[in-house]
Amino acid sequence: ERAEGAEAGAAARAEAPGGPCPHVAVFCVGNRLMLDEGLGPAVYDELAAGYDFPDEVTLFDVGCMGLDMLEHVNAYDYLVTVDALDGTGEPAGTLFEFAPEDAARHSGAMASLHDLKLVDLFDAATLLGYEAEGRCFGMQVDNMSPAELTVGLTPPVYEALPRLVDTVLACLVKRGVPVRVRATGCLVEPGYQHRMGAQA
């Protein structure tokens, strides 16, 4: 597991107009060595390289979601997961957004490729008296079972990656998180569009 707080968090720590910045964890789930299974880590890379977040926001490259993430349900006000999806019946690159409870026991469009979903974390946390809100973002994949270990994404998933990054950024901004484009120092605002490897 890798985690990155905002190295330049001081520059982005200004409070949002609606109040203080919430404590947010972004869980980017997946295996980098299995083509589109590495979607979550690819989003992590783009966010970590291109943007500055306040200290209240932490990005996690978590690999596969596990109960070891349970402590974060208690430590953060809002949890975001980014993961590859399969079996939706939609073309590769199609984006999905849903609340954890909406994905609770689905085996189709809202089924993560991993056994443990955010809703499972919330269920376990509730038993311990923890409370948090969250949002799940995913994309229909093309191939997450290559014959050999392969780092990278298939063309349709790679082409749609900027839209997924934009969706996560928009969610954070809507929650009152001041996010700055590292290359310019400008705040991410409605209508902003992410560019792969060239945030400007």
Protein backbone atom coordinates (compact mmCIF):
# COMPACT_ATOMS: atom_id res chain seq x y z
CA GLU A 1 0.00 0.00 0.00
CA ARG A 2 1.25 3.45 -0.94
CA ALA A 3 -0.18 6.68 0.35
CA GLU A 4 0.53 10.24 -0.68
CA GLY A 5 -0.62 13.31 1.20
CA ALA A 6 -0.26 16.69 -0.41
CA GLU A 7 3.40 17.63 -0.45
CA ALA A 8 2.38 21.15 -1.32
CA GLY A 9 -0.75 21.04 0.82
CA ALA A 10 -0.18 24.48 2.30
CA ALA A 11 -0.82 26.07 -1.07
CA ALA A 12 -4.18 24.33 -1.38
CA ARG A 13 -5.40 24.43 2.19
CA ALA A 14 -7.67 27.46 1.87
CA GLU A 15 -11.09 26.63 3.21
CA ALA A 16 -13.93 26.20 0.78
CA PRO A 17 -16.70 28.81 0.91
CA GLY A 18 -19.07 26.33 2.53
CA GLY A 19 -16.80 25.51 5.44
CA PRO A 20 -13.65 23.61 6.33
CA CYS A 21 -12.25 20.98 4.01
CA PRO A 22 -13.46 17.49 4.97
CA HIS A 23 -11.02 14.67 5.68
CA VAL A 24 -11.12 12.56 2.52
CA ALA A 25 -9.47 9.26 1.57
CA VAL A 26 -9.25 8.25 -2.10
CA PHE A 27 -8.78 4.49 -2.49
CA CYS A 28 -7.39 3.59 -5.94
CA VAL A 29 -7.90 -0.16 -6.18
CA GLY A 30 -6.25 -2.62 -8.56
CA ASN A 31 -3.27 -4.67 -9.73
CA ARG A 32 -0.83 -2.79 -11.96
CA LEU A 33 0.43 -6.01 -13.53
CA MET A 34 -2.90 -7.12 -15.04
CA LEU A 35 -3.68 -4.61 -17.82
CA ASP A 36 -7.05 -2.94 -17.11
CA GLU A 37 -7.02 -4.31 -13.58
CA GLY A 38 -4.53 -1.46 -13.06
CA LEU A 39 -7.16 1.23 -13.69
CA GLY A 40 -7.26 2.39 -10.07
CA PRO A 41 -3.46 2.71 -9.81
CA ALA A 42 -3.44 4.62 -13.13
CA VAL A 43 -5.88 7.15 -11.66
CA TYR A 44 -3.68 7.35 -8.55
CA ASP A 45 -0.64 8.16 -10.71
CA GLU A 46 -2.45 10.94 -12.57
CA LEU A 47 -3.80 12.51 -9.38
CA ALA A 48 -0.52 12.24 -7.48
CA ALA A 49 1.59 13.64 -10.33
CA GLY A 50 -0.67 16.43 -11.50
CA TYR A 51 -2.42 17.92 -8.48
CA ASP A 52 -1.86 19.34 -5.03
CA PHE A 53 -4.34 18.47 -2.31
CA PRO A 54 -4.76 19.88 1.19
CA ASP A 55 -3.43 17.87 4.12
CA GLU A 56 -6.96 16.66 4.83
CA VAL A 57 -6.91 14.56 1.65
CA THR A 58 -4.89 11.36 1.25
CA LEU A 59 -4.49 9.27 -1.90
CA PHE A 60 -4.04 5.52 -1.44
CA ASP A 61 -2.73 3.04 -4.01
CA VAL A 62 -4.23 0.11 -2.16
CA GLY A 63 -3.82 -2.84 -4.51
CA CYS A 64 -6.73 -5.07 -3.54
CA MET A 65 -9.21 -3.73 -1.01
CA GLY A 66 -8.94 -5.45 2.35
CA LEU A 67 -10.20 -5.13 5.88
CA ASP A 68 -6.89 -3.48 6.75
CA MET A 69 -8.50 -0.36 5.28
CA LEU A 70 -11.10 -0.42 8.03
CA GLU A 71 -9.18 2.02 10.23
CA HIS A 72 -9.55 4.66 7.52
CA VAL A 73 -13.35 4.56 7.78
CA ASN A 74 -12.89 5.96 11.27
CA ALA A 75 -10.14 8.41 10.31
CA TYR A 76 -11.88 10.13 7.39
CA ASP A 77 -15.21 11.88 6.84
CA TYR A 78 -15.57 10.85 3.21
CA LEU A 79 -14.22 7.86 1.29
CA VAL A 80 -13.87 7.59 -2.49
CA THR A 81 -13.03 4.37 -4.30
CA VAL A 82 -11.85 4.04 -7.89
CA ASP A 83 -11.92 0.55 -9.38
CA ALA A 84 -12.26 -1.48 -12.57
CA LEU A 85 -15.68 -2.96 -13.33
CA ASP A 86 -16.73 -5.87 -15.52
CA GLY A 87 -19.93 -7.51 -16.64
CA THR A 88 -21.82 -4.26 -17.16
CA GLY A 89 -22.84 -4.99 -20.74
CA GLU A 90 -21.52 -1.55 -21.71
CA PRO A 91 -18.53 -0.79 -23.99
CA ALA A 92 -15.07 -0.65 -22.46
CA GLY A 93 -14.39 2.85 -21.16
CA THR A 94 -17.94 3.45 -19.91
CA LEU A 95 -17.92 5.27 -16.56
CA PHE A 96 -20.07 4.46 -13.55
CA GLU A 97 -20.73 6.40 -10.37
CA PHE A 98 -22.76 5.15 -7.44
CA ALA A 99 -23.18 5.21 -3.71
CA PRO A 100 -21.71 2.26 -1.77
CA GLU A 101 -25.15 1.02 -0.74
CA ASP A 102 -26.28 0.96 -4.38
CA ALA A 103 -23.48 -1.47 -5.18
CA ALA A 104 -24.04 -3.51 -2.04
CA ARG A 105 -24.71 -6.96 -3.40
CA HIS A 106 -24.81 -6.51 -7.16
CA SER A 107 -23.09 -9.02 -9.40
CA GLY A 108 -23.58 -7.07 -12.62
CA ALA A 109 -22.91 -3.47 -13.53
CA MET A 110 -21.79 -2.46 -10.07
CA ALA A 111 -19.62 -5.44 -9.25
CA SER A 112 -16.02 -4.63 -8.45
CA LEU A 113 -13.40 -7.06 -9.67
CA HIS A 114 -12.40 -7.45 -6.05
CA ASP A 115 -14.13 -9.44 -3.36
CA LEU A 116 -14.28 -6.60 -0.84
CA LYS A 117 -16.22 -3.48 -1.80
CA LEU A 118 -16.53 -0.15 -0.06
CA VAL A 119 -19.95 -1.16 1.23
CA ASP A 120 -18.33 -4.16 2.95
CA LEU A 121 -15.96 -1.81 4.73
CA PHE A 122 -18.90 0.34 5.80
CA ASP A 123 -20.82 -2.70 7.02
CA ALA A 124 -17.86 -3.80 9.13
CA ALA A 125 -17.26 -0.25 10.35
CA THR A 126 -20.87 0.11 11.45
CA LEU A 127 -20.43 -2.87 13.74
CA LEU A 128 -17.55 -1.01 15.37
CA GLY A 129 -19.48 2.24 15.67
CA TYR A 130 -17.66 4.03 12.84
CA GLU A 131 -19.50 6.30 10.43
CA ALA A 132 -18.47 7.80 7.11
CA GLU A 133 -19.89 8.73 3.73
CA GLY A 134 -18.54 7.62 0.39
CA ARG A 135 -18.79 7.43 -3.37
CA CYS A 136 -17.68 4.76 -5.82
CA PHE A 137 -16.32 5.40 -9.32
CA GLY A 138 -15.57 2.71 -11.85
CA MET A 139 -15.05 1.95 -15.51
CA GLN A 140 -15.99 -1.02 -17.65
CA VAL A 141 -12.75 -2.76 -18.62
CA ASP A 142 -11.69 -4.52 -21.79
CA ASN A 143 -9.08 -7.01 -20.56
CA MET A 144 -7.98 -7.62 -16.98
CA SER A 145 -6.71 -11.16 -17.53
CA PRO A 146 -3.67 -10.96 -19.84
CA ALA A 147 -1.82 -14.18 -20.66
CA GLU A 148 1.32 -12.61 -19.19
CA LEU A 149 1.83 -9.95 -16.54
CA THR A 150 1.38 -6.66 -18.37
CA VAL A 151 1.64 -3.10 -17.11
CA GLY A 152 -0.61 -0.63 -18.94
CA LEU A 153 -4.21 -0.20 -20.04
CA THR A 154 -6.00 -1.31 -23.20
CA PRO A 155 -6.67 1.51 -25.72
CA PRO A 156 -10.37 2.12 -24.92
CA VAL A 157 -9.71 2.24 -21.19
CA TYR A 158 -6.64 4.46 -21.56
CA GLU A 159 -8.55 6.87 -23.81
CA ALA A 160 -11.34 7.17 -21.21
CA LEU A 161 -8.95 7.59 -18.27
CA PRO A 162 -8.96 11.44 -18.36
CA ARG A 163 -12.75 11.45 -17.99
CA LEU A 164 -12.50 9.22 -14.92
CA VAL A 165 -9.86 11.51 -13.40
CA ASP A 166 -12.14 14.49 -14.12
CA THR A 167 -15.03 12.72 -12.41
CA VAL A 168 -13.02 12.07 -9.26
CA LEU A 169 -11.73 15.65 -9.20
CA ALA A 170 -15.27 17.00 -9.64
CA CYS A 171 -16.46 14.88 -6.73
CA LEU A 172 -13.73 16.23 -4.46
CA VAL A 173 -14.36 19.84 -5.46
CA LYS A 174 -18.09 19.38 -4.89
CA ARG A 175 -17.30 18.15 -1.38
CA GLY A 176 -15.42 21.37 -0.68
CA VAL A 177 -11.87 20.17 -1.34
CA PRO A 178 -9.59 22.84 -2.85
CA VAL A 179 -7.57 21.02 -5.53
CA ARG A 180 -4.82 22.84 -7.41
CA VAL A 181 -3.24 21.98 -10.74
CA ARG A 182 0.42 21.51 -9.86
CA ALA A 183 1.75 22.95 -13.12
CA THR A 184 -0.11 26.25 -12.78
CA GLY A 185 -1.19 26.57 -9.17
CA CYS A 186 -4.74 27.23 -10.37
CA LEU A 187 -7.73 25.77 -8.55
CA VAL A 188 -9.65 23.01 -10.31
CA GLU A 189 -13.06 24.49 -11.12
CA PRO A 190 -16.22 23.23 -12.87
CA GLY A 191 -15.50 22.56 -16.52
CA TYR A 192 -11.84 21.68 -15.95
CA GLN A 193 -10.51 18.86 -18.15
CA HIS A 194 -7.59 16.63 -17.26
CA ARG A 195 -4.86 16.05 -19.83
CA MET A 196 -2.73 12.94 -19.60
CA GLY A 197 0.80 13.83 -18.57
CA ALA A 198 0.32 17.52 -19.31
CA GLN A 199 -1.75 19.18 -16.59
CA ALA A 200 -1.84 22.82 -17.59
